[in-house]
Amino acid sequence: MARLVMMQQHQQHRLPSFSPLPSLSDFNGTKLQTQLRYRRKVSQLKEALHVTASYAKKSLTTKDFAVPRRNAMALILSGCIFSQVSLQSPAFAAPSVTLREYIDSFDGYSFKYPKNWIQVKGAGADIFFRDPYILDENLAVDLSSPSSSNYKSVEDLGPPEVAGNRVLRQYLTEFMSTRLGVKREGKVLATSSRVADDGKLYYQVEVNIKSYASNNELAVMPKDRVVSMEWNRRYLTVLGVENNQLYALRLQTPENVFVEEEGDLRRVMESFRVNKVVA
């Protein structure tokens, strides 16, 4: 009996440590606040972990999508840059045309011309070449008569500016037309002089000429005669003197073609030489 009482007392002594019921300190607010703070911290920690995990997952997804997009943008930009380089860089520019040399030993001159141009007989010049596809683009060489001229130097024409005005007047005279309502306007764009590798002085003259014509030449009322430009051309002339003669290399090309072929046409101009004729 005494042993049973002692066991009961022992169990009663240990019950408080296993009791699920809150003690008085739970109700005075201290332990309760501590538990609430602990639970709040645990909840915040879980929420933070959840947000971090979600952000990491979102970042991974965004990164996986951004890499291909950046690659695509890089390809687009590189394509644009390459297209600009290919059009503008000299390294990607279209190669110049091949020039063929023409030598006239009898009259004493030589020059180079695009090899695909064809020679035309009976054109009224000493020699005449033409582009087979662009009929308004051609080359001719004129020379003064040896019996009626006695040039010693191209400077006999005066300075390059004076020679340029003379060339312009000659072109406008040649292009005079008897058609009604036709008007030709021209101006000297540039004049220069150079000493070539043969030691001779050459003049270079650039002229622009525009032709305007009426669409109804026979109209009685002025309002019915609408004038518009029918062609716009660039004329490049090189002048040289030898054998007491004046030599003129004359290049004609449409203005829009000149913009594309300026480099090749200037190579033709610079190739012109006048040579001493041996009797």
C-alpha atoms as a PDB file:
ATOM      1  CA  MET A   1       0.000   0.000   0.000  1.00  0.00           C
ATOM      2  CA  ALA A   2       2.798   2.362   0.931  1.00  0.00           C
ATOM      3  CA  ARG A   3       4.555   1.500  -2.370  1.00  0.00           C
ATOM      4  CA  LEU A   4       1.422   2.328  -4.374  1.00  0.00           C
ATOM      5  CA  VAL A   5       1.088   5.707  -2.664  1.00  0.00           C
ATOM      6  CA  MET A   6       4.719   6.504  -3.424  1.00  0.00           C
ATOM      7  CA  MET A   7       4.265   5.632  -7.125  1.00  0.00           C
ATOM      8  CA  GLN A   8       1.199   7.833  -7.368  1.00  0.00           C
ATOM      9  CA  GLN A   9       3.055  10.674  -5.708  1.00  0.00           C
ATOM     10  CA  HIS A  10       5.956  10.164  -8.095  1.00  0.00           C
ATOM     11  CA  GLN A  11       3.661  10.225 -11.115  1.00  0.00           C
ATOM     12  CA  GLN A  12       1.904  13.324  -9.806  1.00  0.00           C
ATOM     13  CA  HIS A  13       5.247  14.994  -9.431  1.00  0.00           C
ATOM     14  CA  ARG A  14       6.217  14.300 -13.079  1.00  0.00           C
ATOM     15  CA  LEU A  15       2.883  15.203 -14.705  1.00  0.00           C
ATOM     16  CA  PRO A  16       3.508  18.976 -15.045  1.00  0.00           C
ATOM     17  CA  SER A  17       6.504  18.451 -17.352  1.00  0.00           C
ATOM     18  CA  PHE A  18       4.332  16.434 -19.814  1.00  0.00           C
ATOM     19  CA  SER A  19       1.129  18.391 -19.457  1.00  0.00           C
ATOM     20  CA  PRO A  20      -0.268  19.820 -22.752  1.00  0.00           C
ATOM     21  CA  LEU A  21      -2.050  22.540 -20.856  1.00  0.00           C
ATOM     22  CA  PRO A  22      -0.472  25.977 -20.728  1.00  0.00           C
ATOM     23  CA  SER A  23       0.976  27.179 -17.490  1.00  0.00           C
ATOM     24  CA  LEU A  24       0.214  30.488 -15.826  1.00  0.00           C
ATOM     25  CA  SER A  25       3.127  32.074 -17.682  1.00  0.00           C
ATOM     26  CA  ASP A  26       1.288  31.318 -20.943  1.00  0.00           C
ATOM     27  CA  PHE A  27      -1.587  33.495 -19.872  1.00  0.00           C
ATOM     28  CA  ASN A  28       0.429  36.390 -18.556  1.00  0.00           C
ATOM     29  CA  GLY A  29       1.517  37.157 -22.142  1.00  0.00           C
ATOM     30  CA  THR A  30       5.240  36.524 -21.918  1.00  0.00           C
ATOM     31  CA  LYS A  31       5.378  33.009 -23.260  1.00  0.00           C
ATOM     32  CA  LEU A  32       2.471  33.627 -25.578  1.00  0.00           C
ATOM     33  CA  GLN A  33       4.232  36.584 -27.201  1.00  0.00           C
ATOM     34  CA  THR A  34       7.403  34.544 -27.447  1.00  0.00           C
ATOM     35  CA  GLN A  35       5.547  31.754 -29.222  1.00  0.00           C
ATOM     36  CA  LEU A  36       3.788  34.202 -31.492  1.00  0.00           C
ATOM     37  CA  ARG A  37       7.101  35.854 -32.401  1.00  0.00           C
ATOM     38  CA  TYR A  38       8.631  32.441 -33.038  1.00  0.00           C
ATOM     39  CA  ARG A  39       5.716  31.379 -35.200  1.00  0.00           C
ATOM     40  CA  ARG A  40       5.827  34.696 -37.027  1.00  0.00           C
ATOM     41  CA  LYS A  41       9.533  34.277 -37.709  1.00  0.00           C
ATOM     42  CA  VAL A  42       8.996  30.727 -38.913  1.00  0.00           C
ATOM     43  CA  SER A  43       6.171  31.896 -41.147  1.00  0.00           C
ATOM     44  CA  GLN A  44       8.281  34.761 -42.520  1.00  0.00           C
ATOM     45  CA  LEU A  45      11.166  32.408 -43.103  1.00  0.00           C
ATOM     46  CA  LYS A  46       8.934  29.976 -44.984  1.00  0.00           C
ATOM     47  CA  GLU A  47       7.456  32.811 -47.002  1.00  0.00           C
ATOM     48  CA  ALA A  48      10.922  34.134 -47.791  1.00  0.00           C
ATOM     49  CA  LEU A  49      12.060  30.710 -48.838  1.00  0.00           C
ATOM     50  CA  HIS A  50       8.974  30.359 -51.019  1.00  0.00           C
ATOM     51  CA  VAL A  51       9.511  33.770 -52.629  1.00  0.00           C
ATOM     52  CA  THR A  52      13.191  33.058 -53.169  1.00  0.00           C
ATOM     53  CA  ALA A  53      12.424  29.719 -54.754  1.00  0.00           C
ATOM     54  CA  SER A  54       9.745  31.273 -56.940  1.00  0.00           C
ATOM     55  CA  TYR A  55      12.069  34.114 -57.989  1.00  0.00           C
ATOM     56  CA  ALA A  56      14.845  31.667 -58.745  1.00  0.00           C
ATOM     57  CA  LYS A  57      12.494  29.603 -60.861  1.00  0.00           C
ATOM     58  CA  LYS A  58      11.221  32.724 -62.621  1.00  0.00           C
ATOM     59  CA  SER A  59      14.752  33.965 -63.154  1.00  0.00           C
ATOM     60  CA  LEU A  60      15.737  30.645 -64.622  1.00  0.00           C
ATOM     61  CA  THR A  61      12.779  30.713 -66.949  1.00  0.00           C
ATOM     62  CA  THR A  62      13.480  34.308 -67.981  1.00  0.00           C
ATOM     63  CA  LYS A  63      17.132  33.587 -68.518  1.00  0.00           C
ATOM     64  CA  ASP A  64      16.356  30.567 -70.638  1.00  0.00           C
ATOM     65  CA  PHE A  65      14.121  32.750 -72.798  1.00  0.00           C
ATOM     66  CA  ALA A  66      16.445  35.776 -72.849  1.00  0.00           C
ATOM     67  CA  VAL A  67      19.465  33.947 -74.210  1.00  0.00           C
ATOM     68  CA  PRO A  68      17.847  32.978 -77.504  1.00  0.00           C
ATOM     69  CA  ARG A  69      16.307  36.437 -77.793  1.00  0.00           C
ATOM     70  CA  ARG A  70      19.674  38.085 -77.361  1.00  0.00           C
ATOM     71  CA  ASN A  71      21.133  35.733 -79.912  1.00  0.00           C
ATOM     72  CA  ALA A  72      18.353  36.606 -82.333  1.00  0.00           C
ATOM     73  CA  MET A  73      18.885  40.324 -81.809  1.00  0.00           C
ATOM     74  CA  ALA A  74      22.619  39.854 -82.296  1.00  0.00           C
ATOM     75  CA  LEU A  75      21.987  38.065 -85.578  1.00  0.00           C
ATOM     76  CA  ILE A  76      19.649  40.816 -86.755  1.00  0.00           C
ATOM     77  CA  LEU A  77      22.102  43.567 -85.822  1.00  0.00           C
ATOM     78  CA  SER A  78      25.020  41.727 -87.388  1.00  0.00           C
ATOM     79  CA  GLY A  79      22.986  41.262 -90.551  1.00  0.00           C
ATOM     80  CA  CYS A  80      22.210  44.979 -90.699  1.00  0.00           C
ATOM     81  CA  ILE A  81      25.839  45.890 -90.059  1.00  0.00           C
ATOM     82  CA  PHE A  82      27.035  43.439 -92.690  1.00  0.00           C
ATOM     83  CA  SER A  83      24.575  44.784 -95.234  1.00  0.00           C
ATOM     84  CA  GLN A  84      25.773  48.337 -94.567  1.00  0.00           C
ATOM     85  CA  VAL A  85      29.427  47.303 -94.785  1.00  0.00           C
ATOM     86  CA  SER A  86      28.799  45.344 -97.969  1.00  0.00           C
ATOM     87  CA  LEU A  87      27.180  48.385 -99.583  1.00  0.00           C
ATOM     88  CA  GLN A  88      29.439  51.130 -98.275  1.00  0.00           C
ATOM     89  CA  SER A  89      32.835  49.661 -97.466  1.00  0.00           C
ATOM     90  CA  PRO A  90      35.436  49.726-100.256  1.00  0.00           C
ATOM     91  CA  ALA A  91      36.405  46.192 -99.282  1.00  0.00           C
ATOM     92  CA  PHE A  92      32.965  44.978-100.406  1.00  0.00           C
ATOM     93  CA  ALA A  93      32.524  47.410-103.306  1.00  0.00           C
ATOM     94  CA  ALA A  94      31.855  46.134-106.798  1.00  0.00           C
ATOM     95  CA  PRO A  95      35.100  45.588-108.732  1.00  0.00           C
ATOM     96  CA  SER A  96      36.058  48.088-111.425  1.00  0.00           C
ATOM     97  CA  VAL A  97      35.516  47.191-115.056  1.00  0.00           C
ATOM     98  CA  THR A  98      38.413  45.941-117.131  1.00  0.00           C
ATOM     99  CA  LEU A  99      39.853  48.534-119.492  1.00  0.00           C
ATOM    100  CA  ARG A 100      41.329  47.844-122.896  1.00  0.00           C
ATOM    101  CA  GLU A 101      43.898  50.137-124.514  1.00  0.00           C
ATOM    102  CA  TYR A 102      43.398  51.699-127.915  1.00  0.00           C
ATOM    103  CA  ILE A 103      46.492  53.089-129.682  1.00  0.00           C
ATOM    104  CA  ASP A 104      46.367  55.193-132.840  1.00  0.00           C
ATOM    105  CA  SER A 105      49.955  55.451-134.008  1.00  0.00           C
ATOM    106  CA  PHE A 106      49.000  57.200-137.238  1.00  0.00           C
ATOM    107  CA  ASP A 107      47.233  60.167-135.580  1.00  0.00           C
ATOM    108  CA  GLY A 108      49.263  60.070-132.372  1.00  0.00           C
ATOM    109  CA  TYR A 109      47.032  59.345-129.367  1.00  0.00           C
ATOM    110  CA  SER A 110      46.004  56.512-127.054  1.00  0.00           C
ATOM    111  CA  PHE A 111      43.473  55.853-124.298  1.00  0.00           C
ATOM    112  CA  LYS A 112      41.778  53.060-122.409  1.00  0.00           C
ATOM    113  CA  TYR A 113      38.097  52.166-122.595  1.00  0.00           C
ATOM    114  CA  PRO A 114      35.791  49.520-121.052  1.00  0.00           C
ATOM    115  CA  LYS A 115      36.436  46.289-122.911  1.00  0.00           C
ATOM    116  CA  ASN A 116      32.724  45.580-123.454  1.00  0.00           C
ATOM    117  CA  TRP A 117      32.217  48.835-125.389  1.00  0.00           C
ATOM    118  CA  ILE A 118      31.941  48.487-129.142  1.00  0.00           C
ATOM    119  CA  GLN A 119      33.453  50.618-131.893  1.00  0.00           C
ATOM    120  CA  VAL A 120      31.027  52.413-134.200  1.00  0.00           C
ATOM    121  CA  LYS A 121      32.079  53.416-137.706  1.00  0.00           C
ATOM    122  CA  GLY A 122      30.944  56.587-139.422  1.00  0.00           C
ATOM    123  CA  ALA A 123      30.081  58.482-136.221  1.00  0.00           C
ATOM    124  CA  GLY A 124      31.772  61.694-137.412  1.00  0.00           C
ATOM    125  CA  ALA A 125      34.712  61.459-134.992  1.00  0.00           C
ATOM    126  CA  ASP A 126      38.214  60.113-135.501  1.00  0.00           C
ATOM    127  CA  ILE A 127      37.267  57.172-133.272  1.00  0.00           C
ATOM    128  CA  PHE A 128      34.014  56.339-131.516  1.00  0.00           C
ATOM    129  CA  PHE A 129      33.137  53.713-128.878  1.00  0.00           C
ATOM    130  CA  ARG A 130      29.756  53.104-127.267  1.00  0.00           C
ATOM    131  CA  ASP A 131      28.288  51.106-124.437  1.00  0.00           C
ATOM    132  CA  PRO A 132      26.170  48.391-126.108  1.00  0.00           C
ATOM    133  CA  TYR A 133      23.479  48.611-123.417  1.00  0.00           C
ATOM    134  CA  ILE A 134      23.441  52.323-122.518  1.00  0.00           C
ATOM    135  CA  LEU A 135      23.277  54.030-125.879  1.00  0.00           C
ATOM    136  CA  ASP A 136      23.743  57.521-124.415  1.00  0.00           C
ATOM    137  CA  GLU A 137      27.102  56.514-122.949  1.00  0.00           C
ATOM    138  CA  ASN A 138      29.935  56.814-125.422  1.00  0.00           C
ATOM    139  CA  LEU A 139      33.455  58.010-126.079  1.00  0.00           C
ATOM    140  CA  ALA A 140      34.939  59.904-129.002  1.00  0.00           C
ATOM    141  CA  VAL A 141      38.254  61.500-129.954  1.00  0.00           C
ATOM    142  CA  ASP A 142      38.385  64.638-132.095  1.00  0.00           C
ATOM    143  CA  LEU A 143      41.497  66.399-133.358  1.00  0.00           C
ATOM    144  CA  SER A 144      42.061  69.605-135.218  1.00  0.00           C
ATOM    145  CA  SER A 145      43.299  69.594-138.774  1.00  0.00           C
ATOM    146  CA  PRO A 146      47.096  69.595-139.011  1.00  0.00           C
ATOM    147  CA  SER A 147      46.930  71.960-141.974  1.00  0.00           C
ATOM    148  CA  SER A 148      44.795  74.599-140.288  1.00  0.00           C
ATOM    149  CA  SER A 149      46.056  74.564-136.680  1.00  0.00           C
ATOM    150  CA  ASN A 150      49.364  75.357-135.065  1.00  0.00           C
ATOM    151  CA  TYR A 151      49.052  74.639-131.339  1.00  0.00           C
ATOM    152  CA  LYS A 152      52.192  74.562-129.241  1.00  0.00           C
ATOM    153  CA  SER A 153      50.583  73.801-125.880  1.00  0.00           C
ATOM    154  CA  VAL A 154      47.158  73.369-124.400  1.00  0.00           C
ATOM    155  CA  GLU A 155      47.820  76.676-122.666  1.00  0.00           C
ATOM    156  CA  ASP A 156      47.168  78.336-126.041  1.00  0.00           C
ATOM    157  CA  LEU A 157      43.488  77.939-125.111  1.00  0.00           C
ATOM    158  CA  GLY A 158      43.998  80.110-122.038  1.00  0.00           C
ATOM    159  CA  PRO A 159      43.595  78.955-118.434  1.00  0.00           C
ATOM    160  CA  PRO A 160      41.415  75.889-117.708  1.00  0.00           C
ATOM    161  CA  GLU A 161      38.397  78.084-116.876  1.00  0.00           C
ATOM    162  CA  VAL A 162      38.493  79.779-120.260  1.00  0.00           C
ATOM    163  CA  ALA A 163      38.933  76.447-122.003  1.00  0.00           C
ATOM    164  CA  GLY A 164      35.951  75.111-120.044  1.00  0.00           C
ATOM    165  CA  ASN A 165      33.666  77.867-121.306  1.00  0.00           C
ATOM    166  CA  ARG A 166      34.875  77.216-124.839  1.00  0.00           C
ATOM    167  CA  VAL A 167      34.045  73.512-124.493  1.00  0.00           C
ATOM    168  CA  LEU A 168      30.564  74.328-123.172  1.00  0.00           C
ATOM    169  CA  ARG A 169      29.809  76.661-126.097  1.00  0.00           C
ATOM    170  CA  GLN A 170      30.944  73.999-128.519  1.00  0.00           C
ATOM    171  CA  TYR A 171      28.623  71.393-126.972  1.00  0.00           C
ATOM    172  CA  LEU A 172      25.636  73.755-126.959  1.00  0.00           C
ATOM    173  CA  THR A 173      26.295  74.609-130.612  1.00  0.00           C
ATOM    174  CA  GLU A 174      26.384  70.942-131.547  1.00  0.00           C
ATOM    175  CA  PHE A 175      23.118  70.285-129.707  1.00  0.00           C
ATOM    176  CA  MET A 176      21.168  73.127-131.270  1.00  0.00           C
ATOM    177  CA  SER A 177      17.797  71.851-132.420  1.00  0.00           C
ATOM    178  CA  THR A 178      15.200  73.102-134.880  1.00  0.00           C
ATOM    179  CA  ARG A 179      12.391  71.443-132.941  1.00  0.00           C
ATOM    180  CA  LEU A 180       9.809  73.774-131.478  1.00  0.00           C
ATOM    181  CA  GLY A 181       9.789  74.104-127.710  1.00  0.00           C
ATOM    182  CA  VAL A 182      13.263  72.608-127.189  1.00  0.00           C
ATOM    183  CA  LYS A 183      15.627  74.315-124.782  1.00  0.00           C
ATOM    184  CA  ARG A 184      19.146  73.267-123.762  1.00  0.00           C
ATOM    185  CA  GLU A 185      20.791  74.445-120.555  1.00  0.00           C
ATOM    186  CA  GLY A 186      24.405  73.801-119.681  1.00  0.00           C
ATOM    187  CA  LYS A 187      26.989  74.775-117.120  1.00  0.00           C
ATOM    188  CA  VAL A 188      30.638  74.087-116.404  1.00  0.00           C
ATOM    189  CA  LEU A 189      30.931  71.927-113.290  1.00  0.00           C
ATOM    190  CA  ALA A 190      34.721  71.725-112.947  1.00  0.00           C
ATOM    191  CA  THR A 191      37.958  72.547-114.747  1.00  0.00           C
ATOM    192  CA  SER A 192      41.476  71.429-113.887  1.00  0.00           C
ATOM    193  CA  SER A 193      44.927  70.842-115.319  1.00  0.00           C
ATOM    194  CA  ARG A 194      47.416  68.029-114.740  1.00  0.00           C
ATOM    195  CA  VAL A 195      50.812  66.911-115.927  1.00  0.00           C
ATOM    196  CA  ALA A 196      50.720  63.227-116.879  1.00  0.00           C
ATOM    197  CA  ASP A 197      53.547  60.718-116.696  1.00  0.00           C
ATOM    198  CA  ASP A 198      54.558  61.639-120.262  1.00  0.00           C
ATOM    199  CA  GLY A 199      55.452  65.140-119.060  1.00  0.00           C
ATOM    200  CA  LYS A 200      52.678  66.831-121.059  1.00  0.00           C
ATOM    201  CA  LEU A 201      50.043  69.223-119.741  1.00  0.00           C
ATOM    202  CA  TYR A 202      46.375  68.255-120.075  1.00  0.00           C
ATOM    203  CA  TYR A 203      43.169  70.150-119.311  1.00  0.00           C
ATOM    204  CA  GLN A 204      40.090  68.416-117.912  1.00  0.00           C
ATOM    205  CA  VAL A 205      36.603  69.917-118.229  1.00  0.00           C
ATOM    206  CA  GLU A 206      33.321  68.650-116.766  1.00  0.00           C
ATOM    207  CA  VAL A 207      30.054  69.967-118.175  1.00  0.00           C
ATOM    208  CA  ASN A 208      26.401  69.244-117.421  1.00  0.00           C
ATOM    209  CA  ILE A 209      23.760  69.771-120.105  1.00  0.00           C
ATOM    210  CA  LYS A 210      20.002  69.346-119.716  1.00  0.00           C
ATOM    211  CA  SER A 211      17.499  69.232-122.536  1.00  0.00           C
ATOM    212  CA  TYR A 212      13.896  70.391-122.083  1.00  0.00           C
ATOM    213  CA  ALA A 213      11.106  69.831-124.560  1.00  0.00           C
ATOM    214  CA  SER A 214       7.366  70.420-124.833  1.00  0.00           C
ATOM    215  CA  ASN A 215       4.984  67.485-124.842  1.00  0.00           C
ATOM    216  CA  ASN A 216       2.852  69.235-127.454  1.00  0.00           C
ATOM    217  CA  GLU A 217       4.988  71.318-129.790  1.00  0.00           C
ATOM    218  CA  LEU A 218       2.118  72.410-132.047  1.00  0.00           C
ATOM    219  CA  ALA A 219      -0.255  73.533-129.309  1.00  0.00           C
ATOM    220  CA  VAL A 220      -1.635  77.036-129.802  1.00  0.00           C
ATOM    221  CA  MET A 221      -2.198  77.905-126.155  1.00  0.00           C
ATOM    222  CA  PRO A 222       0.853  78.145-123.892  1.00  0.00           C
ATOM    223  CA  LYS A 223      -0.949  76.224-121.139  1.00  0.00           C
ATOM    224  CA  ASP A 224      -1.168  73.230-123.478  1.00  0.00           C
ATOM    225  CA  ARG A 225       2.607  73.172-123.983  1.00  0.00           C
ATOM    226  CA  VAL A 226       4.014  71.522-120.865  1.00  0.00           C
ATOM    227  CA  VAL A 227       7.815  71.601-120.854  1.00  0.00           C
ATOM    228  CA  SER A 228       9.697  68.815-119.097  1.00  0.00           C
ATOM    229  CA  MET A 229      13.271  67.535-119.039  1.00  0.00           C
ATOM    230  CA  GLU A 230      13.948  64.877-121.670  1.00  0.00           C
ATOM    231  CA  TRP A 231      17.572  64.088-120.793  1.00  0.00           C
ATOM    232  CA  ASN A 232      20.332  65.048-118.353  1.00  0.00           C
ATOM    233  CA  ARG A 233      23.942  64.235-119.257  1.00  0.00           C
ATOM    234  CA  ARG A 234      27.493  64.664-118.018  1.00  0.00           C
ATOM    235  CA  TYR A 235      30.275  65.478-120.505  1.00  0.00           C
ATOM    236  CA  LEU A 236      33.890  64.815-119.546  1.00  0.00           C
ATOM    237  CA  THR A 237      36.542  66.281-121.836  1.00  0.00           C
ATOM    238  CA  VAL A 238      40.329  65.942-121.809  1.00  0.00           C
ATOM    239  CA  LEU A 239      42.350  68.336-123.959  1.00  0.00           C
ATOM    240  CA  GLY A 240      45.952  67.849-125.065  1.00  0.00           C
ATOM    241  CA  VAL A 241      48.285  69.254-127.700  1.00  0.00           C
ATOM    242  CA  GLU A 242      50.857  67.440-129.841  1.00  0.00           C
ATOM    243  CA  ASN A 243      51.957  67.510-133.482  1.00  0.00           C
ATOM    244  CA  ASN A 244      50.629  71.116-133.622  1.00  0.00           C
ATOM    245  CA  GLN A 245      47.137  69.719-133.157  1.00  0.00           C
ATOM    246  CA  LEU A 246      44.512  69.970-130.448  1.00  0.00           C
ATOM    247  CA  TYR A 247      43.234  66.582-129.276  1.00  0.00           C
ATOM    248  CA  ALA A 248      39.988  66.154-127.354  1.00  0.00           C
ATOM    249  CA  LEU A 249      38.804  62.996-125.629  1.00  0.00           C
ATOM    250  CA  ARG A 250      35.064  63.389-125.067  1.00  0.00           C
ATOM    251  CA  LEU A 251      33.028  61.175-122.753  1.00  0.00           C
ATOM    252  CA  GLN A 252      29.240  61.366-122.631  1.00  0.00           C
ATOM    253  CA  THR A 253      27.104  59.625-120.007  1.00  0.00           C
ATOM    254  CA  PRO A 254      23.699  60.137-118.349  1.00  0.00           C
ATOM    255  CA  GLU A 255      23.980  61.794-114.954  1.00  0.00           C
ATOM    256  CA  ASN A 256      22.462  58.834-113.096  1.00  0.00           C
ATOM    257  CA  VAL A 257      24.941  56.481-114.786  1.00  0.00           C
ATOM    258  CA  PHE A 258      27.848  58.802-113.990  1.00  0.00           C
ATOM    259  CA  VAL A 259      27.111  58.484-110.278  1.00  0.00           C
ATOM    260  CA  GLU A 260      27.530  54.710-110.515  1.00  0.00           C
ATOM    261  CA  GLU A 261      30.497  54.628-112.917  1.00  0.00           C
ATOM    262  CA  GLU A 262      32.419  57.753-111.953  1.00  0.00           C
ATOM    263  CA  GLY A 263      35.545  55.861-110.898  1.00  0.00           C
ATOM    264  CA  ASP A 264      35.818  53.938-114.161  1.00  0.00           C
ATOM    265  CA  LEU A 265      35.100  57.002-116.290  1.00  0.00           C
ATOM    266  CA  ARG A 266      37.810  58.980-114.520  1.00  0.00           C
ATOM    267  CA  ARG A 267      40.240  56.143-115.175  1.00  0.00           C
ATOM    268  CA  VAL A 268      39.437  56.519-118.861  1.00  0.00           C
ATOM    269  CA  MET A 269      40.052  60.274-118.662  1.00  0.00           C
ATOM    270  CA  GLU A 270      43.405  59.843-116.922  1.00  0.00           C
ATOM    271  CA  SER A 271      44.548  57.288-119.502  1.00  0.00           C
ATOM    272  CA  PHE A 272      44.384  59.720-122.438  1.00  0.00           C
ATOM    273  CA  ARG A 273      47.776  60.500-124.009  1.00  0.00           C
ATOM    274  CA  VAL A 274      48.885  62.407-127.087  1.00  0.00           C
ATOM    275  CA  ASN A 275      51.991  61.115-128.819  1.00  0.00           C
ATOM    276  CA  LYS A 276      54.521  62.436-131.299  1.00  0.00           C
ATOM    277  CA  VAL A 277      53.898  61.155-134.811  1.00  0.00           C
ATOM    278  CA  VAL A 278      57.055  59.970-136.520  1.00  0.00           C
ATOM    279  CA  ALA A 279      57.026  60.770-140.263  1.00  0.00           C
END
